Protein backbone atom coordinates (compact mmCIF):
# COMPACT_ATOMS: atom_id res chain seq x y z
CA MET A 1 -115.74 38.17 239.01
CA GLU A 2 -118.19 39.94 236.79
CA ASN A 3 -121.07 41.78 238.13
CA ILE A 4 -124.24 40.69 236.07
CA ILE A 5 -128.13 41.51 236.43
CA SER A 6 -129.83 38.45 235.33
CA LYS A 7 -133.44 38.31 233.95
CA GLN A 8 -134.17 36.22 236.91
CA LYS A 9 -133.15 38.98 239.33
CA LEU A 10 -135.01 41.48 237.23
CA GLU A 11 -138.11 39.36 237.36
CA LYS A 12 -137.79 39.09 241.20
CA TYR A 13 -137.42 42.89 241.58
CA PHE A 14 -140.30 43.75 239.31
CA LYS A 15 -142.59 41.31 241.35
CA LEU A 16 -141.28 42.82 244.68
CA THR A 17 -141.74 46.44 243.66
CA SER A 18 -145.05 45.79 241.84
CA THR A 19 -146.44 43.98 245.09
CA ALA A 20 -145.21 46.75 247.41
CA LEU A 21 -147.01 49.22 245.14
CA ALA A 22 -150.26 47.52 245.31
CA LYS A 23 -149.92 47.14 249.04
CA ALA A 24 -149.20 50.98 249.57
CA LYS A 25 -152.21 51.95 247.30
CA LYS A 26 -154.43 50.27 249.75
CA LYS A 27 -152.92 51.57 252.88
CA ILE A 28 -152.73 55.51 252.03
CA ILE A 29 -153.08 57.73 255.20
CA LYS A 30 -156.33 59.70 254.18
CA THR A 31 -154.86 63.11 254.99
CA LYS A 32 -151.92 62.40 252.75
CA GLU A 33 -153.45 61.28 249.59
CA LYS A 34 -152.08 64.25 247.55
CA TYR A 35 -148.51 63.13 248.58
CA ALA A 36 -149.26 59.42 247.81
CA ASN A 37 -150.59 60.14 244.38
CA GLU A 38 -147.47 61.97 243.45
CA ILE A 39 -145.31 59.13 244.83
CA PHE A 40 -147.39 56.57 242.74
CA GLU A 41 -146.67 58.52 239.64
CA MET A 42 -142.93 58.57 240.20
CA VAL A 43 -143.13 54.87 241.05
CA GLU A 44 -145.26 54.10 237.88
CA ASN A 45 -142.74 56.25 235.74
CA TYR A 46 -139.86 54.46 237.10
CA LEU A 47 -141.52 50.79 236.43
CA SER A 48 -142.27 52.07 232.88
CA ASP A 49 -138.58 53.04 232.45
CA ALA A 50 -137.31 49.73 233.91
CA LYS A 51 -139.69 47.82 231.34
CA PHE A 52 -138.19 50.05 228.40
CA PHE A 53 -134.58 49.29 229.49
CA GLU A 54 -135.42 45.78 229.86
CA LYS A 55 -136.93 45.42 226.37
CA LYS A 56 -133.60 46.99 225.08
CA GLY A 57 -131.56 44.27 227.01
CA ASP A 58 -130.24 46.85 229.28
CA PHE A 59 -130.61 45.15 232.60
CA VAL A 60 -128.15 47.29 234.62
CA ASN A 61 -130.45 50.48 233.94
CA ALA A 62 -133.69 48.48 234.11
CA PHE A 63 -132.50 47.40 237.68
CA ALA A 64 -131.45 50.96 238.57
CA ALA A 65 -135.01 52.29 237.61
CA LEU A 66 -136.57 49.51 239.67
CA ASN A 67 -134.33 50.57 242.65
CA TYR A 68 -135.52 54.41 242.43
CA ALA A 69 -139.32 53.14 242.14
CA HIS A 70 -138.84 51.16 245.38
CA GLY A 71 -137.03 54.01 246.91
CA TRP A 72 -140.02 56.25 246.33
CA LEU A 73 -142.26 53.71 248.12
CA ASP A 74 -139.88 53.34 250.98
CA SER A 75 -139.75 57.29 251.25
CA GLY A 76 -143.55 57.16 251.54
CA VAL A 77 -143.34 54.79 254.23
CA ARG A 78 -140.79 56.88 256.25
CA LEU A 79 -142.91 59.81 255.84
CA ASP A 80 -145.96 58.27 257.14
CA ILE A 81 -147.89 58.59 254.03
CA PHE A 82 -148.60 54.71 253.89
CA ASP A 83 -149.62 52.72 256.86
CA VAL A 84 -147.79 49.61 255.97
CA LYS A 85 -146.10 47.09 258.68
CA ASP A 86 -144.50 44.67 256.15
CA ARG A 87 -140.72 44.45 256.74
CA LYS A 88 -140.24 42.27 253.57
CA LEU A 89 -141.46 44.82 251.14
CA PHE A 90 -140.79 48.13 252.96
CA THR A 91 -138.26 49.98 255.12
CA ILE A 92 -139.94 50.33 258.32
CA LYS A 93 -138.88 52.48 261.36
């Protein structure tokens, strides 16, 4: 069996990560805005990388970049930088 990253899978994870990013931006813990902004910069950079790879037809690296982007958001949740409760979008304690 061959492992394949499909266009549909990429679309699903672009949507998931973009939705999580939008939610996190609304739920910053006030005293941690500096850290939140650093995380958002990294997430946006990885999302940009994912789009670049997708346009080149490199779905494996696009998917990897999406996973890094979402990992940054999850780290912000785990470090109490974002006050989110959505278990479908984030890894919550």
